[in-house]
Amino acid sequence: MLERVAAETGAYETRVLGMVRWPRNEGELLEFRIRDAAGGPPPPPPANPGNTFVPAFALPAMAIEEPLIINAPVSGRLLRGARDAMDLYHRWWDAKPVEIVPTTTAGPTSAAAGVGLFFTAGVDSHYSLLKDLRRADAPGHREITHLVFANVHEDDGPDHERLLARLTEVARETGKRLLIVETNLRSLTEEVVGWNEYHGAALASVALTLEGVLGTCLLASTEEYGHLPPWGSHPLLDPLWSTEGLSLLHDGVEAARIEKISRYLVHSALALRTLTVCTRTQPGVNCGSCDQCVATMIALEIGGGLSECATLPRTLDTELVRQTRLRGWAQSDSWRELANQLATVDRPELSEAVAEALAAAADGTSWQPMFQRTT
């Protein structure tokens, strides 16, 4: 149950709040704190803050097999979409749909003018931004106005500040407004749902806190049309969290990761200065040796941009490539794309090293859902 749902704006930040009560606790406060990275006025609060808690708790409610009761009005479009989203979760991960019970259906709200993009300075979000910049003069195009960084890991410290500095640089150089959203959503839900399945809905909940300033928000795609397995952010799933006032879109599914790098990122000095891809270390730090970092380095090398990338080692050690251990199906797929691309260029040693890493990963890389049930 979600109680005491509210939204408020102060001098420096906007807050969206709700008290979460479920069988495992007596009540925990969920917070979304939104601020302008440049120190400008915070965005206006959403007219219907109850919307935020539908994607935030649909999957957790399914995990504990309890109805989702929200003591606030909720968008009719969002309620219909949430039912379809739960049907997808059921087909993909055998989770049982539950009832969503708001106090009432919220009246329609008009869409704000802003267009947002969730931005982490990774390959996918850089690609979506660069593609948008190239299309700025296309007839009918509505350009991105805001970059949104969701600190769902509750990171802080010097490494986090380094990442924020990169995001701020990108926003400044591209003329976008950067919004920082701090939330404890993941820590409240990680015991019952896995991040692979949940991350798209979590980001949708963040986007819905921004209904006062955004009419559209883009989630950059991890996968491409040729390979779309069940995943927490998906072109079938993300738009289902839309309301009458905010459209959520899954962006970039037309391009594989290697294409994003070779066609866009290697030609952007800004992307090569700020690229941040590692999930193994602290925020803002690329270790240069994990499967994600090494795959990115290979793609940059193929595209001729590795020597210009300031955030990764500028030379590629084929022995490191050979010894890289791939952590799951997503990385194995990415590395197979690299192998296919290497077959078209004259890099036999690198091609052989990638093939050996893939062979070593052949056993044990099939992905297992992280969905967790509690009884």
Protein backbone atom coordinates (compact mmCIF):
# COMPACT_ATOMS: atom_id res chain seq x y z
CA MET A 1 0.00 0.00 0.00
CA LEU A 2 1.14 3.54 -0.82
CA GLU A 3 0.00 6.19 1.66
CA ARG A 4 0.72 9.88 2.22
CA VAL A 5 1.48 10.39 -1.47
CA ALA A 6 2.60 13.96 -2.05
CA ALA A 7 4.66 16.27 -4.24
CA GLU A 8 6.25 19.51 -3.10
CA THR A 9 8.71 22.05 -4.43
CA GLY A 10 11.23 24.00 -2.38
CA ALA A 11 13.90 26.51 -3.27
CA TYR A 12 16.39 23.91 -4.50
CA GLU A 13 14.54 20.66 -5.18
CA THR A 14 11.21 19.05 -5.93
CA ARG A 15 10.22 16.01 -3.89
CA VAL A 16 7.74 13.23 -4.65
CA LEU A 17 6.98 11.11 -1.59
CA GLY A 18 5.01 8.08 -0.55
CA MET A 19 4.87 5.86 2.52
CA VAL A 20 5.25 2.21 1.51
CA ARG A 21 3.55 -0.42 3.64
CA TRP A 22 3.77 -4.09 2.78
CA PRO A 23 4.00 -7.36 4.71
CA ARG A 24 7.76 -7.15 5.21
CA ASN A 25 7.75 -3.81 7.05
CA GLU A 26 5.72 -1.32 9.05
CA GLY A 27 6.32 1.52 6.64
CA GLU A 28 9.21 3.04 4.70
CA LEU A 29 9.34 6.44 3.05
CA LEU A 30 10.05 6.37 -0.68
CA GLU A 31 11.55 9.61 -1.94
CA PHE A 32 12.35 11.12 -5.30
CA ARG A 33 14.40 14.33 -4.96
CA ILE A 34 14.79 16.31 -8.18
CA ARG A 35 17.17 19.21 -8.74
CA ASP A 36 18.66 21.19 -11.58
CA ALA A 37 22.34 20.28 -11.95
CA ALA A 38 23.23 23.85 -12.89
CA GLY A 39 21.61 25.25 -9.76
CA GLY A 40 18.55 26.61 -11.53
CA PRO A 41 15.03 26.41 -10.15
CA PRO A 42 13.71 22.88 -9.65
CA PRO A 43 11.04 21.59 -12.03
CA PRO A 44 7.39 21.98 -11.08
CA PRO A 45 5.84 19.00 -9.27
CA PRO A 46 3.65 16.53 -11.16
CA ALA A 47 -0.08 17.19 -10.97
CA ASN A 48 -0.74 13.53 -10.14
CA PRO A 49 2.15 12.15 -8.04
CA GLY A 50 0.27 8.88 -7.56
CA ASN A 51 1.23 7.95 -11.14
CA THR A 52 4.84 7.59 -10.03
CA PHE A 53 4.08 4.60 -7.83
CA VAL A 54 2.37 2.43 -10.46
CA PRO A 55 5.51 1.36 -12.38
CA ALA A 56 7.52 1.60 -9.16
CA PHE A 57 5.49 -1.10 -7.43
CA ALA A 58 3.64 -3.13 -10.08
CA LEU A 59 6.37 -5.78 -10.28
CA PRO A 60 7.17 -5.81 -6.54
CA ALA A 61 3.44 -6.27 -5.83
CA MET A 62 3.41 -9.20 -8.25
CA ALA A 63 6.46 -10.63 -6.51
CA ILE A 64 4.75 -10.68 -3.11
CA GLU A 65 1.35 -11.49 -4.67
CA GLU A 66 -0.43 -8.56 -3.04
CA PRO A 67 -2.71 -5.92 -4.62
CA LEU A 68 -1.14 -2.53 -5.26
CA ILE A 69 -3.22 0.01 -3.31
CA ILE A 70 -2.36 3.66 -3.95
CA ASN A 71 -4.07 6.29 -1.84
CA ALA A 72 -4.00 8.86 -4.63
CA PRO A 73 -5.57 9.40 -8.06
CA VAL A 74 -3.89 7.59 -10.98
CA SER A 75 -4.06 8.18 -14.74
CA GLY A 76 -6.58 6.02 -16.58
CA ARG A 77 -4.16 5.50 -19.46
CA LEU A 78 -1.48 4.37 -17.02
CA LEU A 79 -3.83 1.92 -15.31
CA ARG A 80 -4.69 0.34 -18.66
CA GLY A 81 -1.04 0.20 -19.66
CA ALA A 82 -0.03 -1.28 -16.31
CA ARG A 83 -2.43 -4.18 -16.82
CA ASP A 84 -0.80 -4.87 -20.19
CA ALA A 85 2.65 -4.57 -18.59
CA MET A 86 1.69 -7.14 -15.96
CA ASP A 87 0.52 -9.47 -18.74
CA LEU A 88 3.98 -9.14 -20.31
CA TYR A 89 5.66 -9.84 -16.98
CA HIS A 90 3.45 -12.92 -16.65
CA ARG A 91 4.35 -14.23 -20.11
CA TRP A 92 8.04 -13.51 -19.69
CA TRP A 93 8.68 -14.49 -16.08
CA ASP A 94 5.53 -16.28 -14.89
CA ALA A 95 4.69 -13.54 -12.41
CA LYS A 96 1.03 -13.40 -11.42
CA PRO A 97 -0.80 -10.12 -12.22
CA VAL A 98 -2.35 -8.28 -9.28
CA GLU A 99 -5.03 -5.64 -8.91
CA ILE A 100 -4.07 -1.96 -8.88
CA VAL A 101 -6.41 0.09 -6.70
CA PRO A 102 -6.11 3.91 -6.70
CA THR A 103 -8.48 6.20 -4.85
CA THR A 104 -9.88 7.32 -8.21
CA THR A 105 -8.97 7.79 -11.84
CA ALA A 106 -7.16 11.08 -12.34
CA GLY A 107 -8.46 13.59 -14.82
CA PRO A 108 -6.40 14.12 -17.99
CA THR A 109 -3.51 16.56 -17.89
CA SER A 110 -1.96 18.41 -20.82
CA ALA A 111 1.52 17.44 -21.93
CA ALA A 112 4.43 19.70 -21.01
CA ALA A 113 6.72 20.89 -23.79
CA GLY A 114 9.95 19.24 -22.61
CA VAL A 115 11.55 16.14 -24.13
CA GLY A 116 13.80 14.16 -21.80
CA LEU A 117 16.41 11.44 -22.24
CA PHE A 118 17.72 9.26 -19.44
CA PHE A 119 21.45 9.84 -19.69
CA THR A 120 24.36 8.00 -18.05
CA ALA A 121 27.13 8.84 -20.57
CA GLY A 122 27.06 5.21 -21.70
CA VAL A 123 27.02 3.97 -25.29
CA ASP A 124 23.24 3.75 -25.61
CA SER A 125 22.35 7.14 -24.15
CA HIS A 126 25.20 8.87 -26.01
CA TYR A 127 23.88 7.36 -29.24
CA SER A 128 20.33 8.56 -28.60
CA LEU A 129 21.60 12.06 -27.87
CA LEU A 130 23.93 12.21 -30.88
CA LYS A 131 21.20 10.89 -33.17
CA ASP A 132 18.85 13.56 -31.86
CA LEU A 133 21.42 16.29 -32.50
CA ARG A 134 21.84 15.13 -36.09
CA ARG A 135 18.08 15.30 -36.61
CA ALA A 136 17.68 18.79 -35.14
CA ASP A 137 16.67 20.34 -38.49
CA ALA A 138 14.44 17.49 -39.67
CA PRO A 139 10.82 18.56 -40.34
CA GLY A 140 8.57 17.80 -37.38
CA HIS A 141 11.41 16.75 -35.11
CA ARG A 142 11.03 17.61 -31.41
CA GLU A 143 14.53 17.85 -30.02
CA ILE A 144 15.63 16.64 -26.61
CA THR A 145 15.54 19.50 -24.11
CA HIS A 146 16.47 17.72 -20.87
CA LEU A 147 18.95 15.04 -19.84
CA VAL A 148 17.82 13.04 -16.82
CA PHE A 149 20.20 11.20 -14.52
CA ALA A 150 18.54 8.83 -12.07
CA ASN A 151 20.77 8.02 -9.10
CA VAL A 152 18.97 4.80 -8.22
CA HIS A 153 22.09 3.36 -6.59
CA GLU A 154 22.25 6.25 -4.08
CA ASP A 155 25.90 6.81 -5.01
CA ASP A 156 27.97 9.64 -3.58
CA GLY A 157 31.63 10.50 -3.07
CA PRO A 158 34.37 11.63 -5.48
CA ASP A 159 33.71 9.00 -8.16
CA HIS A 160 30.04 9.97 -8.28
CA GLU A 161 31.03 13.62 -8.53
CA ARG A 162 33.32 12.72 -11.44
CA LEU A 163 30.39 11.15 -13.26
CA LEU A 164 28.18 14.16 -12.55
CA ALA A 165 30.92 16.41 -13.94
CA ARG A 166 30.87 14.42 -17.19
CA LEU A 167 27.09 14.60 -17.41
CA THR A 168 27.23 18.33 -16.75
CA GLU A 169 29.82 18.78 -19.48
CA VAL A 170 27.63 16.96 -21.99
CA ALA A 171 24.58 19.02 -21.01
CA ARG A 172 26.53 22.27 -21.28
CA GLU A 173 28.13 21.42 -24.64
CA THR A 174 24.82 20.30 -26.18
CA GLY A 175 22.64 23.03 -24.69
CA LYS A 176 20.45 20.70 -22.62
CA ARG A 177 19.17 21.09 -19.07
CA LEU A 178 20.42 18.33 -16.76
CA LEU A 179 18.06 17.10 -14.05
CA ILE A 180 19.38 14.92 -11.22
CA VAL A 181 16.91 12.57 -9.52
CA GLU A 182 17.98 10.93 -6.27
CA THR A 183 15.82 8.05 -5.05
CA ASN A 184 15.88 5.13 -2.63
CA LEU A 185 13.56 3.10 -4.86
CA ARG A 186 16.04 0.35 -5.65
CA SER A 187 17.05 -0.24 -2.04
CA LEU A 188 13.37 -0.57 -1.08
CA THR A 189 12.63 -3.17 -3.74
CA GLU A 190 15.82 -5.14 -4.39
CA GLU A 191 14.91 -7.93 -1.98
CA VAL A 192 11.89 -8.93 -4.06
CA VAL A 193 12.73 -8.06 -7.69
CA GLY A 194 15.87 -8.32 -9.80
CA TRP A 195 17.24 -5.26 -11.54
CA ASN A 196 17.35 -6.88 -14.99
CA GLU A 197 13.58 -7.26 -14.95
CA TYR A 198 12.79 -4.12 -13.00
CA HIS A 199 15.03 -1.31 -14.25
CA GLY A 200 12.73 -0.07 -17.02
CA ALA A 201 9.79 0.30 -14.66
CA ALA A 202 12.03 2.00 -12.10
CA LEU A 203 13.12 4.56 -14.69
CA ALA A 204 9.50 5.03 -15.78
CA SER A 205 8.62 5.92 -12.20
CA VAL A 206 11.40 8.52 -12.21
CA ALA A 207 10.10 9.94 -15.49
CA LEU A 208 6.62 10.29 -14.02
CA THR A 209 7.97 12.57 -11.29
CA LEU A 210 8.84 14.95 -14.15
CA GLU A 211 5.37 15.24 -15.70
CA GLY A 212 5.39 18.90 -14.76
CA VAL A 213 8.22 19.63 -17.20
CA LEU A 214 8.37 16.71 -19.70
CA GLY A 215 5.77 15.62 -22.23
CA THR A 216 8.02 12.91 -23.67
CA CYS A 217 10.83 10.89 -22.12
CA LEU A 218 13.19 8.51 -23.93
CA LEU A 219 14.76 5.35 -22.53
CA ALA A 220 17.82 4.36 -24.57
CA SER A 221 17.68 0.80 -25.85
CA THR A 222 20.19 -1.87 -24.86
CA GLU A 223 19.18 -4.30 -27.61
CA GLU A 224 18.26 -3.97 -31.30
CA TYR A 225 15.42 -5.17 -33.49
CA GLY A 226 17.21 -8.36 -34.50
CA HIS A 227 17.46 -9.50 -30.89
CA LEU A 228 14.80 -8.46 -28.37
CA PRO A 229 14.67 -10.93 -25.47
CA PRO A 230 12.54 -10.31 -22.37
CA TRP A 231 14.19 -7.44 -20.51
CA GLY A 232 13.15 -4.77 -18.04
CA SER A 233 13.33 -1.99 -20.65
CA HIS A 234 11.78 -3.09 -23.94
CA PRO A 235 9.95 -1.45 -26.87
CA LEU A 236 6.80 -3.40 -25.97
CA LEU A 237 7.02 -2.50 -22.28
CA ASP A 238 8.26 1.06 -21.83
CA PRO A 239 5.37 2.87 -23.61
CA LEU A 240 2.87 1.08 -21.37
CA TRP A 241 3.90 3.32 -18.47
CA SER A 242 2.73 6.45 -20.34
CA THR A 243 0.00 8.80 -19.10
CA GLU A 244 -2.20 11.35 -20.84
CA GLY A 245 0.48 13.95 -20.13
CA LEU A 246 3.74 12.01 -20.56
CA SER A 247 4.73 9.61 -23.34
CA LEU A 248 7.52 7.15 -22.59
CA LEU A 249 9.44 5.92 -25.63
CA HIS A 250 12.04 3.18 -26.13
CA ASP A 251 14.72 4.74 -28.34
CA GLY A 252 17.62 3.43 -30.40
CA VAL A 253 16.43 -0.10 -31.06
CA GLU A 254 17.26 0.32 -34.75
CA ALA A 255 21.02 0.03 -34.11
CA ALA A 256 23.23 -2.64 -32.55
CA ARG A 257 25.86 -1.53 -30.04
CA ILE A 258 28.71 -1.85 -32.53
CA GLU A 259 26.80 0.38 -34.97
CA LYS A 260 26.14 3.01 -32.31
CA ILE A 261 29.85 3.22 -31.61
CA SER A 262 31.18 3.03 -35.17
CA ARG A 263 28.58 5.32 -36.79
CA TYR A 264 28.19 7.92 -34.05
CA LEU A 265 30.40 7.80 -30.97
CA VAL A 266 33.77 7.57 -32.73
CA HIS A 267 32.93 10.81 -34.56
CA SER A 268 32.09 12.74 -31.38
CA ALA A 269 34.95 14.26 -29.39
CA LEU A 270 32.47 14.96 -26.59
CA ALA A 271 31.40 11.31 -26.38
CA LEU A 272 35.02 10.14 -26.44
CA ARG A 273 35.84 12.50 -23.55
CA THR A 274 32.93 11.43 -21.36
CA LEU A 275 32.08 7.81 -22.26
CA THR A 276 31.26 5.81 -19.11
CA VAL A 277 30.38 2.14 -19.54
CA CYS A 278 31.67 0.10 -16.59
CA THR A 279 29.22 -1.47 -14.16
CA ARG A 280 31.86 -3.26 -12.09
CA THR A 281 33.52 -0.33 -10.34
CA GLN A 282 32.44 2.94 -8.77
CA PRO A 283 30.40 5.43 -10.84
CA GLY A 284 32.44 7.49 -13.26
CA VAL A 285 35.29 4.95 -13.41
CA ASN A 286 35.93 2.54 -16.28
CA CYS A 287 38.02 -0.40 -15.07
CA GLY A 288 39.24 -1.18 -18.59
CA SER A 289 39.30 -4.94 -18.00
CA CYS A 290 35.72 -6.23 -17.54
CA ASP A 291 33.66 -7.67 -20.39
CA GLN A 292 31.72 -4.42 -20.82
CA CYS A 293 34.81 -2.22 -20.95
CA VAL A 294 36.75 -4.57 -23.22
CA ALA A 295 33.82 -4.95 -25.63
CA THR A 296 33.55 -1.18 -25.86
CA MET A 297 37.29 -0.89 -26.46
CA ILE A 298 37.10 -3.46 -29.26
CA ALA A 299 34.24 -1.59 -30.93
CA LEU A 300 36.12 1.70 -30.62
CA GLU A 301 39.23 0.06 -32.08
CA ILE A 302 37.24 -1.27 -35.04
CA GLY A 303 35.78 2.19 -35.60
CA GLY A 304 39.16 3.92 -35.25
CA GLY A 305 38.30 5.84 -32.08
CA LEU A 306 40.01 3.99 -29.23
CA SER A 307 43.19 6.07 -29.34
CA GLU A 308 41.06 9.21 -28.87
CA CYS A 309 38.95 7.93 -25.97
CA ALA A 310 39.96 9.65 -22.74
CA THR A 311 38.08 7.36 -20.35
CA LEU A 312 39.43 3.93 -21.40
CA PRO A 313 42.91 2.50 -22.07
CA ARG A 314 43.94 3.78 -25.51
CA THR A 315 45.58 0.55 -26.64
CA LEU A 316 44.06 -2.93 -26.78
CA ASP A 317 45.89 -5.98 -25.44
CA THR A 318 44.76 -9.11 -27.31
CA GLU A 319 45.75 -11.28 -24.34
CA LEU A 320 43.35 -9.27 -22.16
CA VAL A 321 40.63 -9.85 -24.77
CA ARG A 322 41.35 -13.57 -24.82
CA GLN A 323 41.15 -13.87 -21.03
CA THR A 324 38.00 -11.76 -20.59
CA ARG A 325 35.17 -13.70 -18.96
CA LEU A 326 31.68 -12.88 -20.19
CA ARG A 327 29.06 -12.54 -17.47
CA GLY A 328 25.87 -13.58 -19.25
CA TRP A 329 23.84 -13.79 -22.42
CA ALA A 330 23.74 -10.01 -22.96
CA GLN A 331 27.53 -9.73 -23.06
CA SER A 332 27.85 -12.91 -25.12
CA ASP A 333 25.47 -11.41 -27.68
CA SER A 334 27.49 -8.20 -27.74
CA TRP A 335 30.70 -10.12 -28.28
CA ARG A 336 29.16 -12.17 -31.10
CA GLU A 337 28.34 -8.88 -32.83
CA LEU A 338 31.99 -7.92 -32.45
CA ALA A 339 33.09 -11.26 -33.89
CA ASN A 340 30.84 -10.75 -36.92
CA GLN A 341 32.21 -7.25 -37.45
CA LEU A 342 35.81 -8.40 -37.09
CA ALA A 343 35.20 -10.94 -39.84
CA THR A 344 34.91 -7.99 -42.25
CA VAL A 345 38.21 -6.33 -41.28
CA ASP A 346 41.82 -7.48 -41.37
CA ARG A 347 42.46 -7.99 -37.65
CA PRO A 348 43.18 -11.75 -37.35
CA GLU A 349 44.78 -11.66 -33.87
CA LEU A 350 41.94 -9.65 -32.40
CA SER A 351 39.36 -11.81 -34.15
CA GLU A 352 40.97 -14.94 -32.74
CA ALA A 353 41.06 -13.49 -29.23
CA VAL A 354 37.34 -12.63 -29.36
CA ALA A 355 36.55 -16.12 -30.64
CA GLU A 356 38.46 -17.68 -27.74
CA ALA A 357 36.61 -15.54 -25.18
CA LEU A 358 33.30 -16.59 -26.72
CA ALA A 359 34.32 -20.25 -26.72
CA ALA A 360 35.23 -20.07 -23.03
CA ALA A 361 31.81 -18.56 -22.32
CA ALA A 362 29.90 -21.20 -24.28
CA ASP A 363 29.10 -23.13 -21.11
CA GLY A 364 27.13 -21.37 -18.41
CA THR A 365 26.20 -18.11 -20.12
CA SER A 366 22.50 -18.79 -20.63
CA TRP A 367 20.64 -16.19 -18.62
CA GLN A 368 18.42 -17.09 -15.69
CA PRO A 369 15.70 -14.67 -14.54
CA MET A 370 16.44 -12.78 -11.34
CA PHE A 371 12.75 -12.48 -10.43
CA GLN A 372 12.34 -13.40 -6.79
CA ARG A 373 9.15 -14.44 -5.04
CA THR A 374 8.51 -14.20 -1.35
CA THR A 375 5.88 -16.08 0.57
